[in-house]
Amino acid sequence: MKSAIHVRAARWLFAAAVVFGAAAPQAAGGVAISVSQQRDVRIGMSQTEVLQILGRPALTLRYRGAPGQSWTYHVSGAPYGTLEYNVDFGADGKVIFASQRGLPSAG
């Protein structure tokens, strides 16, 4: 016979695993954006404006020699493979370039 403490601890551990297991992919991958959201991003927008439109990026990088950060988003509803949307910022934190990139699907 199992004690009530062990059963209760097992339930809490299971609940925690479900919560963290569901949240981990979202935290690691960022929020997927739609094609229509991409159309709203314009050259000269601030990082704050881009965050308001697209939300948190899946990946933030600063390439050597680049004037500012590069943000990568996953695009939902891609008809084939995986689509990424990249937003590049200048030293002043304003959008200087934005582009969509298709990645082949595995398999």
PDB file of N, CA and C in Angstrom:
ATOM      1  N   MET A   1       0.831  -1.165   0.000  1.00  0.00           N
ATOM      2  CA  MET A   1       0.000   0.000   0.000  1.00  0.00           C
ATOM      3  C   MET A   1       0.888   1.243   0.000  1.00  0.00           C
ATOM      4  N   LYS A   2       0.576   2.213  -0.885  1.00  0.00           N
ATOM      5  CA  LYS A   2       1.350   3.447  -0.973  1.00  0.00           C
ATOM      6  C   LYS A   2       0.810   4.451   0.025  1.00  0.00           C
ATOM      7  N   SER A   3       1.698   5.237   0.553  1.00  0.00           N
ATOM      8  CA  SER A   3       1.260   6.254   1.510  1.00  0.00           C
ATOM      9  C   SER A   3       0.601   7.414   0.759  1.00  0.00           C
ATOM     10  N   ALA A   4      -0.200   8.171   1.463  1.00  0.00           N
ATOM     11  CA  ALA A   4      -0.890   9.314   0.871  1.00  0.00           C
ATOM     12  C   ALA A   4       0.104  10.375   0.412  1.00  0.00           C
ATOM     13  N   ILE A   5       1.229  10.479   1.084  1.00  0.00           N
ATOM     14  CA  ILE A   5       2.246  11.463   0.715  1.00  0.00           C
ATOM     15  C   ILE A   5       2.846  11.109  -0.639  1.00  0.00           C
ATOM     16  N   HIS A   6       3.162   9.836  -0.890  1.00  0.00           N
ATOM     17  CA  HIS A   6       3.736   9.412  -2.161  1.00  0.00           C
ATOM     18  C   HIS A   6       2.758   9.631  -3.301  1.00  0.00           C
ATOM     19  N   VAL A   7       1.501   9.314  -3.078  1.00  0.00           N
ATOM     20  CA  VAL A   7       0.481   9.501  -4.124  1.00  0.00           C
ATOM     21  C   VAL A   7       0.335  10.983  -4.437  1.00  0.00           C
ATOM     22  N   ARG A   8       0.283  11.806  -3.406  1.00  0.00           N
ATOM     23  CA  ARG A   8       0.136  13.251  -3.592  1.00  0.00           C
ATOM     24  C   ARG A   8       1.367  13.814  -4.315  1.00  0.00           C
ATOM     25  N   ALA A   9       2.554  13.389  -3.933  1.00  0.00           N
ATOM     26  CA  ALA A   9       3.788  13.860  -4.576  1.00  0.00           C
ATOM     27  C   ALA A   9       3.820  13.443  -6.041  1.00  0.00           C
ATOM     28  N   ALA A  10       3.390  12.235  -6.329  1.00  0.00           N
ATOM     29  CA  ALA A  10       3.355  11.767  -7.716  1.00  0.00           C
ATOM     30  C   ALA A  10       2.392  12.598  -8.550  1.00  0.00           C
ATOM     31  N   ARG A  11       1.248  12.945  -7.977  1.00  0.00           N
ATOM     32  CA  ARG A  11       0.278  13.782  -8.699  1.00  0.00           C
ATOM     33  C   ARG A  11       0.846  15.166  -8.977  1.00  0.00           C
ATOM     34  N   TRP A  12       1.529  15.753  -7.987  1.00  0.00           N
ATOM     35  CA  TRP A  12       2.124  17.073  -8.194  1.00  0.00           C
ATOM     36  C   TRP A  12       3.218  17.031  -9.257  1.00  0.00           C
ATOM     37  N   LEU A  13       4.039  16.008  -9.222  1.00  0.00           N
ATOM     38  CA  LEU A  13       5.089  15.876 -10.232  1.00  0.00           C
ATOM     39  C   LEU A  13       4.498  15.704 -11.630  1.00  0.00           C
ATOM     40  N   PHE A  14       3.441  14.922 -11.741  1.00  0.00           N
ATOM     41  CA  PHE A  14       2.783  14.732 -13.028  1.00  0.00           C
ATOM     42  C   PHE A  14       2.197  16.050 -13.529  1.00  0.00           C
ATOM     43  N   ALA A  15       1.530  16.780 -12.635  1.00  0.00           N
ATOM     44  CA  ALA A  15       0.933  18.065 -13.016  1.00  0.00           C
ATOM     45  C   ALA A  15       2.011  19.056 -13.457  1.00  0.00           C
ATOM     46  N   ALA A  16       3.122  19.091 -12.723  1.00  0.00           N
ATOM     47  CA  ALA A  16       4.213  19.992 -13.087  1.00  0.00           C
ATOM     48  C   ALA A  16       4.806  19.616 -14.447  1.00  0.00           C
ATOM     49  N   ALA A  17       4.951  18.322 -14.692  1.00  0.00           N
ATOM     50  CA  ALA A  17       5.492  17.874 -15.983  1.00  0.00           C
ATOM     51  C   ALA A  17       4.576  18.274 -17.133  1.00  0.00           C
ATOM     52  N   VAL A  18       3.275  18.172 -16.928  1.00  0.00           N
ATOM     53  CA  VAL A  18       2.328  18.566 -17.974  1.00  0.00           C
ATOM     54  C   VAL A  18       2.422  20.058 -18.245  1.00  0.00           C
ATOM     55  N   VAL A  19       2.464  20.862 -17.198  1.00  0.00           N
ATOM     56  CA  VAL A  19       2.530  22.316 -17.361  1.00  0.00           C
ATOM     57  C   VAL A  19       3.833  22.720 -18.046  1.00  0.00           C
ATOM     58  N   PHE A  20       4.962  22.240 -17.544  1.00  0.00           N
ATOM     59  CA  PHE A  20       6.240  22.615 -18.135  1.00  0.00           C
ATOM     60  C   PHE A  20       6.433  21.998 -19.512  1.00  0.00           C
ATOM     61  N   GLY A  21       5.916  20.822 -19.731  1.00  0.00           N
ATOM     62  CA  GLY A  21       6.011  20.191 -21.041  1.00  0.00           C
ATOM     63  C   GLY A  21       5.234  20.945 -22.095  1.00  0.00           C
ATOM     64  N   ALA A  22       4.113  21.517 -21.737  1.00  0.00           N
ATOM     65  CA  ALA A  22       3.303  22.281 -22.679  1.00  0.00           C
ATOM     66  C   ALA A  22       3.902  23.658 -22.924  1.00  0.00           C
ATOM     67  N   ALA A  23       4.520  24.244 -21.919  1.00  0.00           N
ATOM     68  CA  ALA A  23       5.064  25.592 -22.051  1.00  0.00           C
ATOM     69  C   ALA A  23       6.423  25.611 -22.735  1.00  0.00           C
ATOM     70  N   ALA A  24       7.185  24.551 -22.632  1.00  0.00           N
ATOM     71  CA  ALA A  24       8.548  24.532 -23.169  1.00  0.00           C
ATOM     72  C   ALA A  24       8.615  24.775 -24.670  1.00  0.00           C
ATOM     73  N   PRO A  25       7.800  24.117 -25.510  1.00  0.00           N
ATOM     74  CA  PRO A  25       7.903  24.401 -26.934  1.00  0.00           C
ATOM     75  C   PRO A  25       7.580  25.845 -27.275  1.00  0.00           C
ATOM     76  N   GLN A  26       6.634  26.449 -26.586  1.00  0.00           N
ATOM     77  CA  GLN A  26       6.303  27.833 -26.868  1.00  0.00           C
ATOM     78  C   GLN A  26       7.446  28.744 -26.462  1.00  0.00           C
ATOM     79  N   ALA A  27       8.052  28.490 -25.331  1.00  0.00           N
ATOM     80  CA  ALA A  27       9.153  29.332 -24.876  1.00  0.00           C
ATOM     81  C   ALA A  27      10.352  29.190 -25.789  1.00  0.00           C
ATOM     82  N   ALA A  28      10.637  27.977 -26.242  1.00  0.00           N
ATOM     83  CA  ALA A  28      11.801  27.747 -27.086  1.00  0.00           C
ATOM     84  C   ALA A  28      11.572  28.208 -28.504  1.00  0.00           C
ATOM     85  N   GLY A  29      10.358  28.069 -29.003  1.00  0.00           N
ATOM     86  CA  GLY A  29      10.119  28.331 -30.407  1.00  0.00           C
ATOM     87  C   GLY A  29       9.493  29.655 -30.727  1.00  0.00           C
ATOM     88  N   GLY A  30       9.125  30.437 -29.754  1.00  0.00           N
ATOM     89  CA  GLY A  30       8.449  31.680 -30.055  1.00  0.00           C
ATOM     90  C   GLY A  30       7.053  31.407 -30.567  1.00  0.00           C
ATOM     91  N   VAL A  31       6.349  32.444 -30.884  1.00  0.00           N
ATOM     92  CA  VAL A  31       4.985  32.325 -31.363  1.00  0.00           C
ATOM     93  C   VAL A  31       5.004  32.321 -32.882  1.00  0.00           C
ATOM     94  N   ALA A  32       4.234  31.430 -33.492  1.00  0.00           N
ATOM     95  CA  ALA A  32       4.143  31.398 -34.955  1.00  0.00           C
ATOM     96  C   ALA A  32       3.317  32.583 -35.427  1.00  0.00           C
ATOM     97  N   ILE A  33       3.738  33.203 -36.509  1.00  0.00           N
ATOM     98  CA  ILE A  33       3.032  34.349 -37.060  1.00  0.00           C
ATOM     99  C   ILE A  33       2.349  33.964 -38.359  1.00  0.00           C
ATOM    100  N   SER A  34       1.433  34.801 -38.808  1.00  0.00           N
ATOM    101  CA  SER A  34       0.728  34.551 -40.066  1.00  0.00           C
ATOM    102  C   SER A  34       1.351  35.395 -41.188  1.00  0.00           C
ATOM    103  N   VAL A  35       1.026  35.037 -42.424  1.00  0.00           N
ATOM    104  CA  VAL A  35       1.526  35.784 -43.576  1.00  0.00           C
ATOM    105  C   VAL A  35       1.000  37.214 -43.537  1.00  0.00           C
ATOM    106  N   SER A  36      -0.244  37.393 -43.108  1.00  0.00           N
ATOM    107  CA  SER A  36      -0.813  38.747 -43.070  1.00  0.00           C
ATOM    108  C   SER A  36      -0.085  39.641 -42.068  1.00  0.00           C
ATOM    109  N   GLN A  37       0.409  39.070 -40.972  1.00  0.00           N
ATOM    110  CA  GLN A  37       1.167  39.864 -40.004  1.00  0.00           C
ATOM    111  C   GLN A  37       2.472  40.374 -40.615  1.00  0.00           C
ATOM    112  N   GLN A  38       3.079  39.568 -41.482  1.00  0.00           N
ATOM    113  CA  GLN A  38       4.331  39.969 -42.120  1.00  0.00           C
ATOM    114  C   GLN A  38       4.140  41.227 -42.953  1.00  0.00           C
ATOM    115  N   ARG A  39       3.001  41.333 -43.592  1.00  0.00           N
ATOM    116  CA  ARG A  39       2.723  42.475 -44.472  1.00  0.00           C
ATOM    117  C   ARG A  39       2.667  43.792 -43.710  1.00  0.00           C
ATOM    118  N   ASP A  40       2.428  43.728 -42.397  1.00  0.00           N
ATOM    119  CA  ASP A  40       2.315  44.942 -41.585  1.00  0.00           C
ATOM    120  C   ASP A  40       3.666  45.506 -41.159  1.00  0.00           C
ATOM    121  N   VAL A  41       4.731  44.730 -41.302  1.00  0.00           N
ATOM    122  CA  VAL A  41       6.067  45.189 -40.918  1.00  0.00           C
ATOM    123  C   VAL A  41       6.629  46.049 -42.043  1.00  0.00           C
ATOM    124  N   ARG A  42       7.111  47.231 -41.686  1.00  0.00           N
ATOM    125  CA  ARG A  42       7.629  48.192 -42.664  1.00  0.00           C
ATOM    126  C   ARG A  42       9.051  48.619 -42.297  1.00  0.00           C
ATOM    127  N   ILE A  43       9.818  48.971 -43.319  1.00  0.00           N
ATOM    128  CA  ILE A  43      11.152  49.523 -43.117  1.00  0.00           C
ATOM    129  C   ILE A  43      11.012  50.790 -42.271  1.00  0.00           C
ATOM    130  N   GLY A  44      11.877  50.949 -41.282  1.00  0.00           N
ATOM    131  CA  GLY A  44      11.869  52.126 -40.428  1.00  0.00           C
ATOM    132  C   GLY A  44      11.110  51.947 -39.122  1.00  0.00           C
ATOM    133  N   MET A  45      10.385  50.820 -38.978  1.00  0.00           N
ATOM    134  CA  MET A  45       9.666  50.566 -37.717  1.00  0.00           C
ATOM    135  C   MET A  45      10.660  50.290 -36.596  1.00  0.00           C
ATOM    136  N   SER A  46      10.256  50.626 -35.368  1.00  0.00           N
ATOM    137  CA  SER A  46      11.094  50.347 -34.199  1.00  0.00           C
ATOM    138  C   SER A  46      10.902  48.890 -33.757  1.00  0.00           C
ATOM    139  N   GLN A  47      11.789  48.427 -32.914  1.00  0.00           N
ATOM    140  CA  GLN A  47      11.663  47.079 -32.363  1.00  0.00           C
ATOM    141  C   GLN A  47      10.367  46.935 -31.570  1.00  0.00           C
ATOM    142  N   THR A  48       9.976  47.977 -30.870  1.00  0.00           N
ATOM    143  CA  THR A  48       8.739  47.943 -30.096  1.00  0.00           C
ATOM    144  C   THR A  48       7.533  47.765 -31.014  1.00  0.00           C
ATOM    145  N   GLU A  49       7.523  48.464 -32.141  1.00  0.00           N
ATOM    146  CA  GLU A  49       6.413  48.330 -33.093  1.00  0.00           C
ATOM    147  C   GLU A  49       6.350  46.922 -33.668  1.00  0.00           C
ATOM    148  N   VAL A  50       7.510  46.346 -33.982  1.00  0.00           N
ATOM    149  CA  VAL A  50       7.554  44.983 -34.515  1.00  0.00           C
ATOM    150  C   VAL A  50       7.054  43.996 -33.463  1.00  0.00           C
ATOM    151  N   LEU A  51       7.450  44.186 -32.217  1.00  0.00           N
ATOM    152  CA  LEU A  51       6.972  43.320 -31.140  1.00  0.00           C
ATOM    153  C   LEU A  51       5.452  43.398 -30.989  1.00  0.00           C
ATOM    154  N   GLN A  52       4.885  44.587 -31.160  1.00  0.00           N
ATOM    155  CA  GLN A  52       3.439  44.745 -31.062  1.00  0.00           C
ATOM    156  C   GLN A  52       2.718  44.006 -32.179  1.00  0.00           C
ATOM    157  N   ILE A  53       3.316  43.956 -33.356  1.00  0.00           N
ATOM    158  CA  ILE A  53       2.689  43.295 -34.505  1.00  0.00           C
ATOM    159  C   ILE A  53       2.920  41.786 -34.487  1.00  0.00           C
ATOM    160  N   LEU A  54       4.175  41.384 -34.277  1.00  0.00           N
ATOM    161  CA  LEU A  54       4.551  39.973 -34.428  1.00  0.00           C
ATOM    162  C   LEU A  54       4.716  39.223 -33.112  1.00  0.00           C
ATOM    163  N   GLY A  55       4.930  39.924 -32.022  1.00  0.00           N
ATOM    164  CA  GLY A  55       5.189  39.245 -30.764  1.00  0.00           C
ATOM    165  C   GLY A  55       6.659  38.893 -30.621  1.00  0.00           C
ATOM    166  N   ARG A  56       6.935  38.043 -29.665  1.00  0.00           N
ATOM    167  CA  ARG A  56       8.305  37.633 -29.341  1.00  0.00           C
ATOM    168  C   ARG A  56       8.879  36.750 -30.455  1.00  0.00           C
ATOM    169  N   PRO A  57      10.105  37.033 -30.906  1.00  0.00           N
ATOM    170  CA  PRO A  57      10.705  36.195 -31.948  1.00  0.00           C
ATOM    171  C   PRO A  57      11.128  34.829 -31.423  1.00  0.00           C
ATOM    172  N   ALA A  58      11.207  33.863 -32.337  1.00  0.00           N
ATOM    173  CA  ALA A  58      11.684  32.532 -31.981  1.00  0.00           C
ATOM    174  C   ALA A  58      13.184  32.549 -31.729  1.00  0.00           C
ATOM    175  N   LEU A  59      13.888  33.440 -32.416  1.00  0.00           N
ATOM    176  CA  LEU A  59      15.348  33.494 -32.321  1.00  0.00           C
ATOM    177  C   LEU A  59      15.800  34.936 -32.494  1.00  0.00           C
ATOM    178  N   THR A  60      16.742  35.361 -31.663  1.00  0.00           N
ATOM    179  CA  THR A  60      17.339  36.687 -31.769  1.00  0.00           C
ATOM    180  C   THR A  60      18.846  36.513 -31.877  1.00  0.00           C
ATOM    181  N   LEU A  61      19.421  37.085 -32.930  1.00  0.00           N
ATOM    182  CA  LEU A  61      20.864  36.971 -33.157  1.00  0.00           C
ATOM    183  C   LEU A  61      21.453  38.331 -33.491  1.00  0.00           C
ATOM    184  N   ARG A  62      22.745  38.427 -33.325  1.00  0.00           N
ATOM    185  CA  ARG A  62      23.473  39.596 -33.828  1.00  0.00           C
ATOM    186  C   ARG A  62      24.692  39.049 -34.557  1.00  0.00           C
ATOM    187  N   TYR A  63      24.646  39.143 -35.879  1.00  0.00           N
ATOM    188  CA  TYR A  63      25.735  38.630 -36.698  1.00  0.00           C
ATOM    189  C   TYR A  63      26.932  39.575 -36.645  1.00  0.00           C
ATOM    190  N   ARG A  64      28.121  38.986 -36.746  1.00  0.00           N
ATOM    191  CA  ARG A  64      29.333  39.790 -36.741  1.00  0.00           C
ATOM    192  C   ARG A  64      29.304  40.743 -37.937  1.00  0.00           C
ATOM    193  N   GLY A  65      29.558  42.000 -37.695  1.00  0.00           N
ATOM    194  CA  GLY A  65      29.566  43.002 -38.756  1.00  0.00           C
ATOM    195  C   GLY A  65      28.193  43.583 -39.071  1.00  0.00           C
ATOM    196  N   ALA A  66      27.150  43.030 -38.506  1.00  0.00           N
ATOM    197  CA  ALA A  66      25.796  43.547 -38.747  1.00  0.00           C
ATOM    198  C   ALA A  66      25.577  44.782 -37.878  1.00  0.00           C
ATOM    199  N   PRO A  67      24.808  45.748 -38.377  1.00  0.00           N
ATOM    200  CA  PRO A  67      24.594  46.964 -37.599  1.00  0.00           C
ATOM    201  C   PRO A  67      23.691  46.772 -36.378  1.00  0.00           C
ATOM    202  N   GLY A  68      22.819  45.749 -36.401  1.00  0.00           N
ATOM    203  CA  GLY A  68      21.891  45.526 -35.295  1.00  0.00           C
ATOM    204  C   GLY A  68      21.473  44.068 -35.223  1.00  0.00           C
ATOM    205  N   GLN A  69      20.434  43.807 -34.444  1.00  0.00           N
ATOM    206  CA  GLN A  69      19.945  42.443 -34.242  1.00  0.00           C
ATOM    207  C   GLN A  69      19.167  41.932 -35.450  1.00  0.00           C
ATOM    208  N   SER A  70      19.065  40.604 -35.530  1.00  0.00           N
ATOM    209  CA  SER A  70      18.209  39.926 -36.506  1.00  0.00           C
ATOM    210  C   SER A  70      17.251  39.045 -35.727  1.00  0.00           C
ATOM    211  N   TRP A  71      15.957  39.169 -36.027  1.00  0.00           N
ATOM    212  CA  TRP A  71      14.923  38.379 -35.360  1.00  0.00           C
ATOM    213  C   TRP A  71      14.338  37.398 -36.346  1.00  0.00           C
ATOM    214  N   THR A  72      14.121  36.164 -35.906  1.00  0.00           N
ATOM    215  CA  THR A  72      13.535  35.125 -36.746  1.00  0.00           C
ATOM    216  C   THR A  72      12.223  34.657 -36.137  1.00  0.00           C
ATOM    217  N   TYR A  73      11.207  34.546 -36.990  1.00  0.00           N
ATOM    218  CA  TYR A  73       9.881  34.066 -36.601  1.00  0.00           C
ATOM    219  C   TYR A  73       9.526  32.842 -37.438  1.00  0.00           C
ATOM    220  N   HIS A  74       8.722  31.947 -36.884  1.00  0.00           N
ATOM    221  CA  HIS A  74       8.166  30.823 -37.626  1.00  0.00           C
ATOM    222  C   HIS A  74       6.832  31.268 -38.203  1.00  0.00           C
ATOM    223  N   VAL A  75       6.556  30.887 -39.453  1.00  0.00           N
ATOM    224  CA  VAL A  75       5.318  31.279 -40.124  1.00  0.00           C
ATOM    225  C   VAL A  75       4.366  30.088 -40.105  1.00  0.00           C
ATOM    226  N   SER A  76       3.145  30.321 -39.637  1.00  0.00           N
ATOM    227  CA  SER A  76       2.152  29.246 -39.592  1.00  0.00           C
ATOM    228  C   SER A  76       1.422  29.151 -40.927  1.00  0.00           C
ATOM    229  N   GLY A  77       0.933  27.961 -41.226  1.00  0.00           N
ATOM    230  CA  GLY A  77       0.132  27.750 -42.432  1.00  0.00           C
ATOM    231  C   GLY A  77       0.937  27.642 -43.708  1.00  0.00           C
ATOM    232  N   ALA A  78       2.197  27.265 -43.623  1.00  0.00           N
ATOM    233  CA  ALA A  78       3.012  27.100 -44.822  1.00  0.00           C
ATOM    234  C   ALA A  78       2.513  25.898 -45.617  1.00  0.00           C
ATOM    235  N   PRO A  79       2.323  26.046 -46.942  1.00  0.00           N
ATOM    236  CA  PRO A  79       1.789  24.942 -47.733  1.00  0.00           C
ATOM    237  C   PRO A  79       2.763  23.763 -47.886  1.00  0.00           C
ATOM    238  N   TYR A  80       4.036  24.025 -47.721  1.00  0.00           N
ATOM    239  CA  TYR A  80       5.052  22.975 -47.813  1.00  0.00           C
ATOM    240  C   TYR A  80       6.232  23.370 -46.937  1.00  0.00           C
ATOM    241  N   GLY A  81       6.919  22.403 -46.396  1.00  0.00           N
ATOM    242  CA  GLY A  81       8.104  22.682 -45.593  1.00  0.00           C
ATOM    243  C   GLY A  81       7.827  23.631 -44.443  1.00  0.00           C
ATOM    244  N   THR A  82       8.812  24.434 -44.125  1.00  0.00           N
ATOM    245  CA  THR A  82       8.726  25.388 -43.036  1.00  0.00           C
ATOM    246  C   THR A  82       9.128  26.755 -43.557  1.00  0.00           C
ATOM    247  N   LEU A  83       8.383  27.770 -43.170  1.00  0.00           N
ATOM    248  CA  LEU A  83       8.731  29.133 -43.542  1.00  0.00           C
ATOM    249  C   LEU A  83       9.227  29.888 -42.325  1.00  0.00           C
ATOM    250  N   GLU A  84      10.259  30.696 -42.533  1.00  0.00           N
ATOM    251  CA  GLU A  84      10.762  31.588 -41.497  1.00  0.00           C
ATOM    252  C   GLU A  84      10.674  33.008 -42.016  1.00  0.00           C
ATOM    253  N   TYR A  85      10.441  33.932 -41.119  1.00  0.00           N
ATOM    254  CA  TYR A  85      10.399  35.349 -41.451  1.00  0.00           C
ATOM    255  C   TYR A  85      11.486  36.030 -40.640  1.00  0.00           C
ATOM    256  N   ASN A  86      12.378  36.730 -41.326  1.00  0.00           N
ATOM    257  CA  ASN A  86      13.517  37.378 -40.675  1.00  0.00           C
ATOM    258  C   ASN A  86      13.375  38.890 -40.749  1.00  0.00           C
ATOM    259  N   VAL A  87      13.608  39.538 -39.626  1.00  0.00           N
ATOM    260  CA  VAL A  87      13.573  40.996 -39.546  1.00  0.00           C
ATOM    261  C   VAL A  87      14.934  41.460 -39.051  1.00  0.00           C
ATOM    262  N   ASP A  88      15.596  42.320 -39.857  1.00  0.00           N
ATOM    263  CA  ASP A  88      16.919  42.837 -39.500  1.00  0.00           C
ATOM    264  C   ASP A  88      16.802  44.301 -39.093  1.00  0.00           C
ATOM    265  N   PHE A  89      17.521  44.653 -38.016  1.00  0.00           N
ATOM    266  CA  PHE A  89      17.474  46.005 -37.486  1.00  0.00           C
ATOM    267  C   PHE A  89      18.819  46.688 -37.657  1.00  0.00           C
ATOM    268  N   GLY A  90      18.774  48.011 -37.794  1.00  0.00           N
ATOM    269  CA  GLY A  90      19.985  48.809 -37.861  1.00  0.00           C
ATOM    270  C   GLY A  90      20.483  49.130 -36.463  1.00  0.00           C
ATOM    271  N   ALA A  91      21.561  49.892 -36.398  1.00  0.00           N
ATOM    272  CA  ALA A  91      22.152  50.274 -35.117  1.00  0.00           C
ATOM    273  C   ALA A  91      21.186  51.111 -34.282  1.00  0.00           C
ATOM    274  N   ASP A  92      20.262  51.805 -34.936  1.00  0.00           N
ATOM    275  CA  ASP A  92      19.289  52.640 -34.231  1.00  0.00           C
ATOM    276  C   ASP A  92      18.050  51.870 -33.778  1.00  0.00           C
ATOM    277  N   GLY A  93      18.016  50.535 -34.019  1.00  0.00           N
ATOM    278  CA  GLY A  93      16.884  49.707 -33.605  1.00  0.00           C
ATOM    279  C   GLY A  93      15.688  49.780 -34.532  1.00  0.00           C
ATOM    280  N   LYS A  94      15.891  50.293 -35.745  1.00  0.00           N
ATOM    281  CA  LYS A  94      14.809  50.403 -36.729  1.00  0.00           C
ATOM    282  C   LYS A  94      14.985  49.313 -37.794  1.00  0.00           C
ATOM    283  N   VAL A  95      13.870  48.839 -38.349  1.00  0.00           N
ATOM    284  CA  VAL A  95      13.905  47.791 -39.373  1.00  0.00           C
ATOM    285  C   VAL A  95      14.619  48.313 -40.615  1.00  0.00           C
ATOM    286  N   ILE A  96      15.608  47.546 -41.090  1.00  0.00           N
ATOM    287  CA  ILE A  96      16.295  47.896 -42.336  1.00  0.00           C
ATOM    288  C   ILE A  96      16.011  46.876 -43.437  1.00  0.00           C
ATOM    289  N   PHE A  97      15.545  45.666 -43.045  1.00  0.00           N
ATOM    290  CA  PHE A  97      15.279  44.625 -44.038  1.00  0.00           C
ATOM    291  C   PHE A  97      14.399  43.556 -43.409  1.00  0.00           C
ATOM    292  N   ALA A  98      13.488  43.010 -44.199  1.00  0.00           N
ATOM    293  CA  ALA A  98      12.648  41.900 -43.744  1.00  0.00           C
ATOM    294  C   ALA A  98      12.436  40.958 -44.915  1.00  0.00           C
ATOM    295  N   SER A  99      12.521  39.654 -44.646  1.00  0.00           N
ATOM    296  CA  SER A  99      12.381  38.679 -45.726  1.00  0.00           C
ATOM    297  C   SER A  99      11.847  37.360 -45.205  1.00  0.00           C
ATOM    298  N   GLN A 100      11.232  36.613 -46.116  1.00  0.00           N
ATOM    299  CA  GLN A 100      10.718  35.286 -45.803  1.00  0.00           C
ATOM    300  C   GLN A 100      11.640  34.258 -46.438  1.00  0.00           C
ATOM    301  N   ARG A 101      11.839  33.139 -45.736  1.00  0.00           N
ATOM    302  CA  ARG A 101      12.756  32.104 -46.224  1.00  0.00           C
ATOM    303  C   ARG A 101      12.090  30.745 -46.062  1.00  0.00           C
ATOM    304  N   GLY A 102      12.097  29.972 -47.114  1.00  0.00           N
ATOM    305  CA  GLY A 102      11.543  28.622 -47.064  1.00  0.00           C
ATOM    306  C   GLY A 102      12.608  27.607 -46.717  1.00  0.00           C
ATOM    307  N   LEU A 103      12.270  26.692 -45.816  1.00  0.00           N
ATOM    308  CA  LEU A 103      13.169  25.606 -45.442  1.00  0.00           C
ATOM    309  C   LEU A 103      12.534  24.303 -45.892  1.00  0.00           C
ATOM    310  N   PRO A 104      13.276  23.411 -46.529  1.00  0.00           N
ATOM    311  CA  PRO A 104      12.683  22.145 -46.963  1.00  0.00           C
ATOM    312  C   PRO A 104      12.267  21.288 -45.794  1.00  0.00           C
ATOM    313  N   SER A 105      11.202  20.550 -45.994  1.00  0.00           N
ATOM    314  CA  SER A 105      10.741  19.651 -44.922  1.00  0.00           C
ATOM    315  C   SER A 105      11.612  18.407 -44.896  1.00  0.00           C
ATOM    316  N   ALA A 106      11.765  17.856 -43.716  1.00  0.00           N
ATOM    317  CA  ALA A 106      12.545  16.626 -43.547  1.00  0.00           C
ATOM    318  C   ALA A 106      11.712  15.449 -43.992  1.00  0.00           C
ATOM    319  N   GLY A 107      12.270  14.632 -44.839  1.00  0.00           N
ATOM    320  CA  GLY A 107      11.557  13.431 -45.235  1.00  0.00           C
ATOM    321  C   GLY A 107      11.175  13.355 -46.592  1.00  0.00           C
TER     322      GLY A 107
END
